[in-house]
Amino acid sequence: MMADHGDDKVQQGIEHLQTAAREVIRATRSLLDAAEELVDDPKALQDIAAAVASVAQAAAGRFRAPGAPPTADDADDGHVQRIKVD
């Protein structure tokens, strides 16, 4: 009787793992579909990158002390800034 109970638990565990594996596969397919769409439409990727940069910039501004002078990052022109390190 105890062996049957243990076998049921093992079977339930296997079924849960199978269900979880199927969910991971579905999620991975969705991620790959989204990646493929971005590859097909580079403008969408640029838009997403710009939106993320805008949100990051706004978030960084919230961490600046009130009345603090602007930093070099506030005047970012989008170009690479070379910083000499000795």
PDB file of N, CA and C in Angstrom:
ATOM      1  N   MET A   1       0.824  -1.196   0.000  1.00  0.00           N
ATOM      2  CA  MET A   1       0.000   0.000   0.000  1.00  0.00           C
ATOM      3  C   MET A   1       0.867   1.257   0.000  1.00  0.00           C
ATOM      4  N   MET A   2       1.946   1.258   0.790  1.00  0.00           N
ATOM      5  CA  MET A   2       2.839   2.408   0.833  1.00  0.00           C
ATOM      6  C   MET A   2       3.561   2.596  -0.499  1.00  0.00           C
ATOM      7  N   ALA A   3       3.901   1.518  -1.163  1.00  0.00           N
ATOM      8  CA  ALA A   3       4.596   1.608  -2.445  1.00  0.00           C
ATOM      9  C   ALA A   3       3.705   2.283  -3.482  1.00  0.00           C
ATOM     10  N   ASP A   4       2.413   1.979  -3.446  1.00  0.00           N
ATOM     11  CA  ASP A   4       1.491   2.607  -4.391  1.00  0.00           C
ATOM     12  C   ASP A   4       1.420   4.116  -4.170  1.00  0.00           C
ATOM     13  N   HIS A   5       1.402   4.509  -2.900  1.00  0.00           N
ATOM     14  CA  HIS A   5       1.347   5.936  -2.573  1.00  0.00           C
ATOM     15  C   HIS A   5       2.605   6.636  -3.087  1.00  0.00           C
ATOM     16  N   GLY A   6       3.753   6.011  -2.914  1.00  0.00           N
ATOM     17  CA  GLY A   6       5.011   6.572  -3.402  1.00  0.00           C
ATOM     18  C   GLY A   6       5.027   6.657  -4.912  1.00  0.00           C
ATOM     19  N   ASP A   7       4.508   5.616  -5.580  1.00  0.00           N
ATOM     20  CA  ASP A   7       4.451   5.621  -7.041  1.00  0.00           C
ATOM     21  C   ASP A   7       3.550   6.743  -7.548  1.00  0.00           C
ATOM     22  N   ASP A   8       2.424   6.980  -6.844  1.00  0.00           N
ATOM     23  CA  ASP A   8       1.525   8.072  -7.232  1.00  0.00           C
ATOM     24  C   ASP A   8       2.241   9.420  -7.129  1.00  0.00           C
ATOM     25  N   LYS A   9       3.004   9.613  -6.069  1.00  0.00           N
ATOM     26  CA  LYS A   9       3.733  10.872  -5.878  1.00  0.00           C
ATOM     27  C   LYS A   9       4.778  11.053  -6.988  1.00  0.00           C
ATOM     28  N   VAL A  10       5.461   9.978  -7.335  1.00  0.00           N
ATOM     29  CA  VAL A  10       6.460  10.045  -8.402  1.00  0.00           C
ATOM     30  C   VAL A  10       5.777  10.402  -9.719  1.00  0.00           C
ATOM     31  N   GLN A  11       4.657   9.758  -9.999  1.00  0.00           N
ATOM     32  CA  GLN A  11       3.928  10.028 -11.236  1.00  0.00           C
ATOM     33  C   GLN A  11       3.440  11.471 -11.275  1.00  0.00           C
ATOM     34  N   GLN A  12       2.932  11.965 -10.160  1.00  0.00           N
ATOM     35  CA  GLN A  12       2.489  13.361 -10.102  1.00  0.00           C
ATOM     36  C   GLN A  12       3.656  14.317 -10.322  1.00  0.00           C
ATOM     37  N   GLY A  13       4.793  13.983  -9.738  1.00  0.00           N
ATOM     38  CA  GLY A  13       5.983  14.812  -9.922  1.00  0.00           C
ATOM     39  C   GLY A  13       6.406  14.858 -11.380  1.00  0.00           C
ATOM     40  N   ILE A  14       6.378  13.708 -12.040  1.00  0.00           N
ATOM     41  CA  ILE A  14       6.736  13.643 -13.461  1.00  0.00           C
ATOM     42  C   ILE A  14       5.767  14.481 -14.293  1.00  0.00           C
ATOM     43  N   GLU A  15       4.479  14.383 -13.990  1.00  0.00           N
ATOM     44  CA  GLU A  15       3.476  15.155 -14.736  1.00  0.00           C
ATOM     45  C   GLU A  15       3.693  16.660 -14.551  1.00  0.00           C
ATOM     46  N   HIS A  16       4.027  17.079 -13.322  1.00  0.00           N
ATOM     47  CA  HIS A  16       4.288  18.505 -13.072  1.00  0.00           C
ATOM     48  C   HIS A  16       5.518  18.971 -13.849  1.00  0.00           C
ATOM     49  N   LEU A  17       6.553  18.138 -13.866  1.00  0.00           N
ATOM     50  CA  LEU A  17       7.755  18.501 -14.617  1.00  0.00           C
ATOM     51  C   LEU A  17       7.476  18.598 -16.115  1.00  0.00           C
ATOM     52  N   GLN A  18       6.652  17.678 -16.622  1.00  0.00           N
ATOM     53  CA  GLN A  18       6.301  17.728 -18.050  1.00  0.00           C
ATOM     54  C   GLN A  18       5.524  19.003 -18.368  1.00  0.00           C
ATOM     55  N   THR A  19       4.594  19.353 -17.500  1.00  0.00           N
ATOM     56  CA  THR A  19       3.808  20.572 -17.702  1.00  0.00           C
ATOM     57  C   THR A  19       4.719  21.801 -17.680  1.00  0.00           C
ATOM     58  N   ALA A  20       5.635  21.832 -16.722  1.00  0.00           N
ATOM     59  CA  ALA A  20       6.561  22.960 -16.633  1.00  0.00           C
ATOM     60  C   ALA A  20       7.460  23.022 -17.870  1.00  0.00           C
ATOM     61  N   ALA A  21       7.923  21.881 -18.341  1.00  0.00           N
ATOM     62  CA  ALA A  21       8.785  21.850 -19.528  1.00  0.00           C
ATOM     63  C   ALA A  21       8.034  22.377 -20.745  1.00  0.00           C
ATOM     64  N   ARG A  22       6.766  22.008 -20.884  1.00  0.00           N
ATOM     65  CA  ARG A  22       5.969  22.507 -22.014  1.00  0.00           C
ATOM     66  C   ARG A  22       5.797  24.020 -21.937  1.00  0.00           C
ATOM     67  N   GLU A  23       5.623  24.553 -20.732  1.00  0.00           N
ATOM     68  CA  GLU A  23       5.491  26.003 -20.548  1.00  0.00           C
ATOM     69  C   GLU A  23       6.788  26.709 -20.926  1.00  0.00           C
ATOM     70  N   VAL A  24       7.920  26.135 -20.545  1.00  0.00           N
ATOM     71  CA  VAL A  24       9.212  26.724 -20.899  1.00  0.00           C
ATOM     72  C   VAL A  24       9.383  26.729 -22.413  1.00  0.00           C
ATOM     73  N   ILE A  25       8.995  25.640 -23.059  1.00  0.00           N
ATOM     74  CA  ILE A  25       9.101  25.562 -24.519  1.00  0.00           C
ATOM     75  C   ILE A  25       8.217  26.619 -25.173  1.00  0.00           C
ATOM     76  N   ARG A  26       6.985  26.791 -24.682  1.00  0.00           N
ATOM     77  CA  ARG A  26       6.089  27.811 -25.242  1.00  0.00           C
ATOM     78  C   ARG A  26       6.662  29.213 -25.034  1.00  0.00           C
ATOM     79  N   ALA A  27       7.200  29.466 -23.852  1.00  0.00           N
ATOM     80  CA  ALA A  27       7.774  30.785 -23.569  1.00  0.00           C
ATOM     81  C   ALA A  27       8.981  31.051 -24.471  1.00  0.00           C
ATOM     82  N   THR A  28       9.796  30.040 -24.671  1.00  0.00           N
ATOM     83  CA  THR A  28      10.967  30.187 -25.531  1.00  0.00           C
ATOM     84  C   THR A  28      10.553  30.466 -26.972  1.00  0.00           C
ATOM     85  N   ARG A  29       9.518  29.767 -27.443  1.00  0.00           N
ATOM     86  CA  ARG A  29       9.019  30.022 -28.798  1.00  0.00           C
ATOM     87  C   ARG A  29       8.533  31.464 -28.940  1.00  0.00           C
ATOM     88  N   SER A  30       7.826  31.946 -27.931  1.00  0.00           N
ATOM     89  CA  SER A  30       7.338  33.329 -27.968  1.00  0.00           C
ATOM     90  C   SER A  30       8.500  34.311 -28.006  1.00  0.00           C
ATOM     91  N   LEU A  31       9.515  34.048 -27.203  1.00  0.00           N
ATOM     92  CA  LEU A  31      10.687  34.918 -27.189  1.00  0.00           C
ATOM     93  C   LEU A  31      11.385  34.900 -28.539  1.00  0.00           C
ATOM     94  N   LEU A  32      11.514  33.735 -29.134  1.00  0.00           N
ATOM     95  CA  LEU A  32      12.148  33.637 -30.448  1.00  0.00           C
ATOM     96  C   LEU A  32      11.314  34.339 -31.521  1.00  0.00           C
ATOM     97  N   ASP A  33       9.990  34.227 -31.441  1.00  0.00           N
ATOM     98  CA  ASP A  33       9.123  34.934 -32.388  1.00  0.00           C
ATOM     99  C   ASP A  33       9.324  36.444 -32.276  1.00  0.00           C
ATOM    100  N   ALA A  34       9.401  36.932 -31.041  1.00  0.00           N
ATOM    101  CA  ALA A  34       9.604  38.364 -30.831  1.00  0.00           C
ATOM    102  C   ALA A  34      10.969  38.788 -31.357  1.00  0.00           C
ATOM    103  N   ALA A  35      11.996  37.988 -31.117  1.00  0.00           N
ATOM    104  CA  ALA A  35      13.332  38.298 -31.615  1.00  0.00           C
ATOM    105  C   ALA A  35      13.345  38.325 -33.141  1.00  0.00           C
ATOM    106  N   GLU A  36      12.644  37.387 -33.749  1.00  0.00           N
ATOM    107  CA  GLU A  36      12.582  37.346 -35.212  1.00  0.00           C
ATOM    108  C   GLU A  36      11.915  38.599 -35.764  1.00  0.00           C
ATOM    109  N   GLU A  37      10.860  39.051 -35.107  1.00  0.00           N
ATOM    110  CA  GLU A  37      10.189  40.276 -35.547  1.00  0.00           C
ATOM    111  C   GLU A  37      11.129  41.475 -35.458  1.00  0.00           C
ATOM    112  N   LEU A  38      11.945  41.521 -34.401  1.00  0.00           N
ATOM    113  CA  LEU A  38      12.893  42.625 -34.270  1.00  0.00           C
ATOM    114  C   LEU A  38      13.963  42.567 -35.349  1.00  0.00           C
ATOM    115  N   VAL A  39      14.392  41.366 -35.711  1.00  0.00           N
ATOM    116  CA  VAL A  39      15.389  41.227 -36.773  1.00  0.00           C
ATOM    117  C   VAL A  39      14.788  41.680 -38.101  1.00  0.00           C
ATOM    118  N   ASP A  40      13.526  41.351 -38.315  1.00  0.00           N
ATOM    119  CA  ASP A  40      12.856  41.728 -39.560  1.00  0.00           C
ATOM    120  C   ASP A  40      12.562  43.220 -39.631  1.00  0.00           C
ATOM    121  N   ASP A  41      12.451  43.891 -38.470  1.00  0.00           N
ATOM    122  CA  ASP A  41      12.113  45.309 -38.434  1.00  0.00           C
ATOM    123  C   ASP A  41      13.078  46.048 -37.499  1.00  0.00           C
ATOM    124  N   PRO A  42      14.275  46.405 -37.996  1.00  0.00           N
ATOM    125  CA  PRO A  42      15.270  47.071 -37.152  1.00  0.00           C
ATOM    126  C   PRO A  42      14.768  48.388 -36.556  1.00  0.00           C
ATOM    127  N   LYS A  43      13.848  49.054 -37.235  1.00  0.00           N
ATOM    128  CA  LYS A  43      13.303  50.315 -36.713  1.00  0.00           C
ATOM    129  C   LYS A  43      12.599  50.079 -35.375  1.00  0.00           C
ATOM    130  N   ALA A  44      11.920  48.950 -35.252  1.00  0.00           N
ATOM    131  CA  ALA A  44      11.253  48.624 -33.990  1.00  0.00           C
ATOM    132  C   ALA A  44      12.282  48.484 -32.873  1.00  0.00           C
ATOM    133  N   LEU A  45      13.419  47.863 -33.179  1.00  0.00           N
ATOM    134  CA  LEU A  45      14.479  47.709 -32.183  1.00  0.00           C
ATOM    135  C   LEU A  45      15.030  49.070 -31.781  1.00  0.00           C
ATOM    136  N   GLN A  46      15.199  49.963 -32.740  1.00  0.00           N
ATOM    137  CA  GLN A  46      15.676  51.312 -32.429  1.00  0.00           C
ATOM    138  C   GLN A  46      14.673  52.042 -31.535  1.00  0.00           C
ATOM    139  N   ASP A  47      13.396  51.870 -31.831  1.00  0.00           N
ATOM    140  CA  ASP A  47      12.359  52.512 -31.020  1.00  0.00           C
ATOM    141  C   ASP A  47      12.376  51.983 -29.589  1.00  0.00           C
ATOM    142  N   ILE A  48      12.546  50.682 -29.458  1.00  0.00           N
ATOM    143  CA  ILE A  48      12.594  50.080 -28.121  1.00  0.00           C
ATOM    144  C   ILE A  48      13.823  50.587 -27.366  1.00  0.00           C
ATOM    145  N   ALA A  49      14.969  50.618 -28.040  1.00  0.00           N
ATOM    146  CA  ALA A  49      16.198  51.093 -27.402  1.00  0.00           C
ATOM    147  C   ALA A  49      16.047  52.550 -26.970  1.00  0.00           C
ATOM    148  N   ALA A  50      15.433  53.370 -27.810  1.00  0.00           N
ATOM    149  CA  ALA A  50      15.225  54.776 -27.461  1.00  0.00           C
ATOM    150  C   ALA A  50      14.297  54.908 -26.262  1.00  0.00           C
ATOM    151  N   ALA A  51      13.262  54.099 -26.223  1.00  0.00           N
ATOM    152  CA  ALA A  51      12.328  54.148 -25.093  1.00  0.00           C
ATOM    153  C   ALA A  51      13.015  53.725 -23.795  1.00  0.00           C
ATOM    154  N   VAL A  52      13.817  52.668 -23.864  1.00  0.00           N
ATOM    155  CA  VAL A  52      14.541  52.206 -22.674  1.00  0.00           C
ATOM    156  C   VAL A  52      15.518  53.277 -22.212  1.00  0.00           C
ATOM    157  N   ALA A  53      16.220  53.904 -23.152  1.00  0.00           N
ATOM    158  CA  ALA A  53      17.167  54.968 -22.796  1.00  0.00           C
ATOM    159  C   ALA A  53      16.444  56.139 -22.143  1.00  0.00           C
ATOM    160  N   SER A  54      15.289  56.492 -22.665  1.00  0.00           N
ATOM    161  CA  SER A  54      14.514  57.597 -22.115  1.00  0.00           C
ATOM    162  C   SER A  54      14.066  57.297 -20.681  1.00  0.00           C
ATOM    163  N   VAL A  55      13.588  56.089 -20.461  1.00  0.00           N
ATOM    164  CA  VAL A  55      13.160  55.693 -19.119  1.00  0.00           C
ATOM    165  C   VAL A  55      14.353  55.691 -18.168  1.00  0.00           C
ATOM    166  N   ALA A  56      15.493  55.173 -18.626  1.00  0.00           N
ATOM    167  CA  ALA A  56      16.686  55.134 -17.786  1.00  0.00           C
ATOM    168  C   ALA A  56      17.144  56.549 -17.433  1.00  0.00           C
ATOM    169  N   GLN A  57      17.087  57.448 -18.400  1.00  0.00           N
ATOM    170  CA  GLN A  57      17.489  58.828 -18.158  1.00  0.00           C
ATOM    171  C   GLN A  57      16.549  59.494 -17.153  1.00  0.00           C
ATOM    172  N   ALA A  58      15.268  59.248 -17.288  1.00  0.00           N
ATOM    173  CA  ALA A  58      14.299  59.817 -16.348  1.00  0.00           C
ATOM    174  C   ALA A  58      14.520  59.255 -14.942  1.00  0.00           C
ATOM    175  N   ALA A  59      14.792  57.963 -14.868  1.00  0.00           N
ATOM    176  CA  ALA A  59      15.039  57.339 -13.565  1.00  0.00           C
ATOM    177  C   ALA A  59      16.300  57.903 -12.929  1.00  0.00           C
ATOM    178  N   ALA A  60      17.342  58.105 -13.719  1.00  0.00           N
ATOM    179  CA  ALA A  60      18.588  58.661 -13.198  1.00  0.00           C
ATOM    180  C   ALA A  60      18.359  60.072 -12.659  1.00  0.00           C
ATOM    181  N   GLY A  61      17.506  60.840 -13.327  1.00  0.00           N
ATOM    182  CA  GLY A  61      17.194  62.191 -12.882  1.00  0.00           C
ATOM    183  C   GLY A  61      16.506  62.207 -11.525  1.00  0.00           C
ATOM    184  N   ARG A  62      15.764  61.175 -11.221  1.00  0.00           N
ATOM    185  CA  ARG A  62      15.060  61.114  -9.943  1.00  0.00           C
ATOM    186  C   ARG A  62      16.015  60.857  -8.779  1.00  0.00           C
ATOM    187  N   PHE A  63      17.203  60.322  -9.079  1.00  0.00           N
ATOM    188  CA  PHE A  63      18.174  60.044  -8.020  1.00  0.00           C
ATOM    189  C   PHE A  63      19.083  61.244  -7.741  1.00  0.00           C
ATOM    190  N   ARG A  64      19.012  62.250  -8.595  1.00  0.00           N
ATOM    191  CA  ARG A  64      19.820  63.450  -8.398  1.00  0.00           C
ATOM    192  C   ARG A  64      19.209  64.269  -7.270  1.00  0.00           C
ATOM    193  N   ALA A  65      20.067  64.829  -6.431  1.00  0.00           N
ATOM    194  CA  ALA A  65      19.594  65.641  -5.311  1.00  0.00           C
ATOM    195  C   ALA A  65      18.887  66.880  -5.842  1.00  0.00           C
ATOM    196  N   PRO A  66      17.809  67.308  -5.186  1.00  0.00           N
ATOM    197  CA  PRO A  66      17.116  68.521  -5.625  1.00  0.00           C
ATOM    198  C   PRO A  66      18.073  69.712  -5.614  1.00  0.00           C
ATOM    199  N   GLY A  67      18.073  70.482  -6.686  1.00  0.00           N
ATOM    200  CA  GLY A  67      18.920  71.662  -6.778  1.00  0.00           C
ATOM    201  C   GLY A  67      20.359  71.364  -7.159  1.00  0.00           C
ATOM    202  N   ALA A  68      20.670  70.075  -7.390  1.00  0.00           N
ATOM    203  CA  ALA A  68      22.042  69.719  -7.774  1.00  0.00           C
ATOM    204  C   ALA A  68      22.325  70.245  -9.167  1.00  0.00           C
ATOM    205  N   PRO A  69      23.563  70.688  -9.398  1.00  0.00           N
ATOM    206  CA  PRO A  69      23.889  71.197 -10.733  1.00  0.00           C
ATOM    207  C   PRO A  69      23.840  70.070 -11.761  1.00  0.00           C
ATOM    208  N   PRO A  70      23.546  70.399 -13.004  1.00  0.00           N
ATOM    209  CA  PRO A  70      23.505  69.354 -14.035  1.00  0.00           C
ATOM    210  C   PRO A  70      24.878  68.717 -14.219  1.00  0.00           C
ATOM    211  N   THR A  71      24.879  67.481 -14.612  1.00  0.00           N
ATOM    212  CA  THR A  71      26.134  66.767 -14.851  1.00  0.00           C
ATOM    213  C   THR A  71      26.392  66.701 -16.346  1.00  0.00           C
ATOM    214  N   ALA A  72      27.551  66.192 -16.713  1.00  0.00           N
ATOM    215  CA  ALA A  72      27.896  66.036 -18.128  1.00  0.00           C
ATOM    216  C   ALA A  72      26.888  65.135 -18.830  1.00  0.00           C
ATOM    217  N   ASP A  73      26.322  64.170 -18.110  1.00  0.00           N
ATOM    218  CA  ASP A  73      25.342  63.266 -18.705  1.00  0.00           C
ATOM    219  C   ASP A  73      24.067  63.989 -19.110  1.00  0.00           C
ATOM    220  N   ASP A  74      23.770  65.101 -18.435  1.00  0.00           N
ATOM    221  CA  ASP A  74      22.547  65.837 -18.763  1.00  0.00           C
ATOM    222  C   ASP A  74      22.613  66.458 -20.152  1.00  0.00           C
ATOM    223  N   ALA A  75      23.813  66.722 -20.639  1.00  0.00           N
ATOM    224  CA  ALA A  75      23.986  67.341 -21.953  1.00  0.00           C
ATOM    225  C   ALA A  75      24.415  66.297 -22.973  1.00  0.00           C
ATOM    226  N   ASP A  76      24.052  65.064 -22.765  1.00  0.00           N
ATOM    227  CA  ASP A  76      24.461  63.970 -23.657  1.00  0.00           C
ATOM    228  C   ASP A  76      23.941  64.228 -25.059  1.00  0.00           C
ATOM    229  N   ASP A  77      24.871  64.240 -26.019  1.00  0.00           N
ATOM    230  CA  ASP A  77      24.479  64.465 -27.406  1.00  0.00           C
ATOM    231  C   ASP A  77      24.364  63.154 -28.177  1.00  0.00           C
ATOM    232  N   GLY A  78      24.498  62.030 -27.493  1.00  0.00           N
ATOM    233  CA  GLY A  78      24.354  60.742 -28.142  1.00  0.00           C
ATOM    234  C   GLY A  78      25.638  60.199 -28.730  1.00  0.00           C
ATOM    235  N   HIS A  79      26.715  60.954 -28.635  1.00  0.00           N
ATOM    236  CA  HIS A  79      27.995  60.507 -29.174  1.00  0.00           C
ATOM    237  C   HIS A  79      28.843  59.880 -28.073  1.00  0.00           C
ATOM    238  N   VAL A  80      29.842  59.149 -28.480  1.00  0.00           N
ATOM    239  CA  VAL A  80      30.763  58.539 -27.535  1.00  0.00           C
ATOM    240  C   VAL A  80      31.595  59.629 -26.897  1.00  0.00           C
ATOM    241  N   GLN A  81      31.723  59.561 -25.592  1.00  0.00           N
ATOM    242  CA  GLN A  81      32.534  60.529 -24.877  1.00  0.00           C
ATOM    243  C   GLN A  81      33.827  59.828 -24.457  1.00  0.00           C
ATOM    244  N   ARG A  82      34.944  60.385 -24.863  1.00  0.00           N
ATOM    245  CA  ARG A  82      36.237  59.807 -24.506  1.00  0.00           C
ATOM    246  C   ARG A  82      36.700  60.432 -23.198  1.00  0.00           C
ATOM    247  N   ILE A  83      37.055  59.582 -22.259  1.00  0.00           N
ATOM    248  CA  ILE A  83      37.531  60.045 -20.959  1.00  0.00           C
ATOM    249  C   ILE A  83      38.958  59.544 -20.793  1.00  0.00           C
ATOM    250  N   LYS A  84      39.897  60.484 -20.607  1.00  0.00           N
ATOM    251  CA  LYS A  84      41.292  60.100 -20.461  1.00  0.00           C
ATOM    252  C   LYS A  84      41.504  59.579 -19.048  1.00  0.00           C
ATOM    253  N   VAL A  85      42.105  58.398 -18.960  1.00  0.00           N
ATOM    254  CA  VAL A  85      42.405  57.798 -17.669  1.00  0.00           C
ATOM    255  C   VAL A  85      43.905  57.630 -17.573  1.00  0.00           C
ATOM    256  N   ASP A  86      44.495  58.225 -16.540  1.00  0.00           N
ATOM    257  CA  ASP A  86      45.959  58.121 -16.374  1.00  0.00           C
ATOM    258  C   ASP A  86      46.322  56.933 -15.533  1.00  0.00           C
TER     259      ASP A  86
END
